[in-house]
């Protein structure tokens, strides 16, 4: 994986958006539990992409990207829950679901290619 590639950039930008959403949820909505789960998995996507880039082997690369994939899927769960419990607007929910799904598609394709499928 080369430096400054699409998944690296998109996962970092996504982490920034997640942190800003976390700040909004804590400051404006006074929500502390669900938002903490969201910020953990939302920032973990990019962190594991970075670890994958520095992976020691192809197996390590695939393992770290697999974690990123699962964390991106987890984001969707917390976003839906935050929406269904009244903390997020429909627009906010849709934006984060769309962003997470884009990351999931990219990660799935990279994993498929890396595994030789």
Protein backbone atom coordinates (compact mmCIF):
# COMPACT_ATOMS: atom_id res chain seq x y z
CA UNK A 1 0.00 0.00 0.00
CA UNK A 2 1.48 3.34 -0.98
CA UNK A 3 1.45 6.47 1.17
CA UNK A 4 -1.39 8.98 0.83
CA UNK A 5 -3.72 6.57 -0.92
CA UNK A 6 -7.50 6.84 -1.10
CA UNK A 7 -8.33 4.66 1.91
CA UNK A 8 -5.71 6.38 4.04
CA UNK A 9 -7.08 9.83 3.20
CA UNK A 10 -10.76 8.87 3.46
CA UNK A 11 -10.37 7.00 6.74
CA UNK A 12 -8.49 9.96 8.27
CA UNK A 13 -11.12 12.44 7.05
CA UNK A 14 -13.81 10.13 8.44
CA UNK A 15 -12.07 10.08 11.83
CA UNK A 16 -12.05 13.88 11.89
CA UNK A 17 -15.80 13.94 11.16
CA UNK A 18 -16.43 11.36 13.89
CA UNK A 19 -14.47 13.38 16.46
CA UNK A 20 -16.44 16.50 15.53
CA UNK A 21 -19.70 14.56 15.86
CA UNK A 22 -18.55 13.27 19.25
CA UNK A 23 -17.84 16.84 20.37
CA UNK A 24 -21.32 17.89 19.21
CA UNK A 25 -22.99 14.98 20.99
CA UNK A 26 -21.18 15.67 24.26
CA UNK A 27 -21.49 19.46 24.21
CA UNK A 28 -24.93 19.93 22.65
CA UNK A 29 -26.82 16.74 23.44
CA UNK A 30 -25.05 15.78 26.68
CA UNK A 31 -24.72 12.21 25.44
CA UNK A 32 -21.64 10.44 26.79
CA UNK A 33 -22.01 6.67 26.50
CA UNK A 34 -23.07 5.92 22.92
CA UNK A 35 -20.93 8.72 21.51
CA UNK A 36 -17.84 7.29 23.20
CA UNK A 37 -18.45 3.96 21.45
CA UNK A 38 -18.85 5.78 18.15
CA UNK A 39 -15.61 7.74 18.52
CA UNK A 40 -13.70 4.59 19.43
CA UNK A 41 -14.73 2.59 16.39
CA UNK A 42 -14.86 5.59 14.05
CA UNK A 43 -11.26 6.57 14.74
CA UNK A 44 -10.11 2.96 14.84
CA UNK A 45 -10.84 2.57 11.12
CA UNK A 46 -8.07 4.98 10.15
CA UNK A 47 -5.72 3.86 12.91
CA UNK A 48 -5.86 0.28 11.65
CA UNK A 49 -5.37 1.43 8.05
CA UNK A 50 -2.16 3.13 9.20
CA UNK A 51 -1.09 -0.04 11.00
CA UNK A 52 -1.81 -2.06 7.86
CA UNK A 53 0.38 0.23 5.80
CA UNK A 54 3.21 -0.48 8.20
CA UNK A 55 2.41 -4.18 8.36
CA UNK A 56 5.27 -6.63 8.57
CA UNK A 57 3.72 -9.10 6.17
CA UNK A 58 0.80 -9.58 3.81
CA UNK A 59 -0.95 -11.55 6.57
CA UNK A 60 -0.47 -8.64 8.99
CA UNK A 61 -1.72 -6.20 6.33
CA UNK A 62 -4.88 -8.25 5.77
CA UNK A 63 -5.47 -8.68 9.50
CA UNK A 64 -5.29 -4.93 10.20
CA UNK A 65 -7.49 -4.03 7.23
CA UNK A 66 -10.00 -6.66 8.36
CA UNK A 67 -10.20 -4.86 11.70
CA UNK A 68 -10.77 -1.57 9.87
CA UNK A 69 -13.58 -3.20 7.89
CA UNK A 70 -15.27 -4.48 11.07
CA UNK A 71 -14.87 -1.14 12.84
CA UNK A 72 -16.47 0.68 9.88
CA UNK A 73 -19.42 -1.72 10.10
CA UNK A 74 -19.67 -1.04 13.83
CA UNK A 75 -19.91 2.70 13.13
CA UNK A 76 -23.14 2.04 11.26
CA UNK A 77 -24.63 0.34 14.32
CA UNK A 78 -23.86 3.22 16.69
CA UNK A 79 -25.03 5.84 14.19
CA UNK A 80 -28.35 4.03 13.70
CA UNK A 81 -28.75 3.71 17.47
CA UNK A 82 -27.97 7.40 18.02
CA UNK A 83 -30.53 8.29 15.35
CA UNK A 84 -33.21 5.95 16.68
CA UNK A 85 -32.78 7.35 20.20
CA UNK A 86 -33.14 10.95 19.04
CA UNK A 87 -29.54 12.16 19.24
CA UNK A 88 -28.94 12.52 15.49
CA UNK A 89 -31.01 14.03 12.72
CA UNK A 90 -31.86 12.03 9.62
CA UNK A 91 -29.36 14.12 7.64
CA UNK A 92 -26.57 13.40 10.15
CA UNK A 93 -27.43 9.71 10.17
CA UNK A 94 -27.47 9.43 6.39
CA UNK A 95 -24.18 11.31 6.02
CA UNK A 96 -22.34 9.01 8.43
CA UNK A 97 -23.94 5.84 7.09
CA UNK A 98 -23.00 6.85 3.53
CA UNK A 99 -19.42 7.65 4.56
CA UNK A 100 -19.09 4.38 6.47
CA UNK A 101 -20.51 2.38 3.56
CA UNK A 102 -18.01 4.00 1.18
CA UNK A 103 -15.16 2.99 3.48
CA UNK A 104 -16.59 -0.53 3.77
CA UNK A 105 -16.74 -0.90 -0.03
CA UNK A 106 -13.17 0.31 -0.48
CA UNK A 107 -11.84 -1.88 2.33
CA UNK A 108 -13.73 -4.92 1.04
CA UNK A 109 -12.21 -4.45 -2.42
CA UNK A 110 -8.69 -4.04 -1.03
CA UNK A 111 -9.14 -7.15 1.12
CA UNK A 112 -10.51 -9.14 -1.81
CA UNK A 113 -7.55 -8.13 -3.99
CA UNK A 114 -5.03 -8.76 -1.21
CA UNK A 115 -6.40 -12.23 -0.58
CA UNK A 116 -6.29 -13.00 -4.30
CA UNK A 117 -10.03 -13.55 -4.60
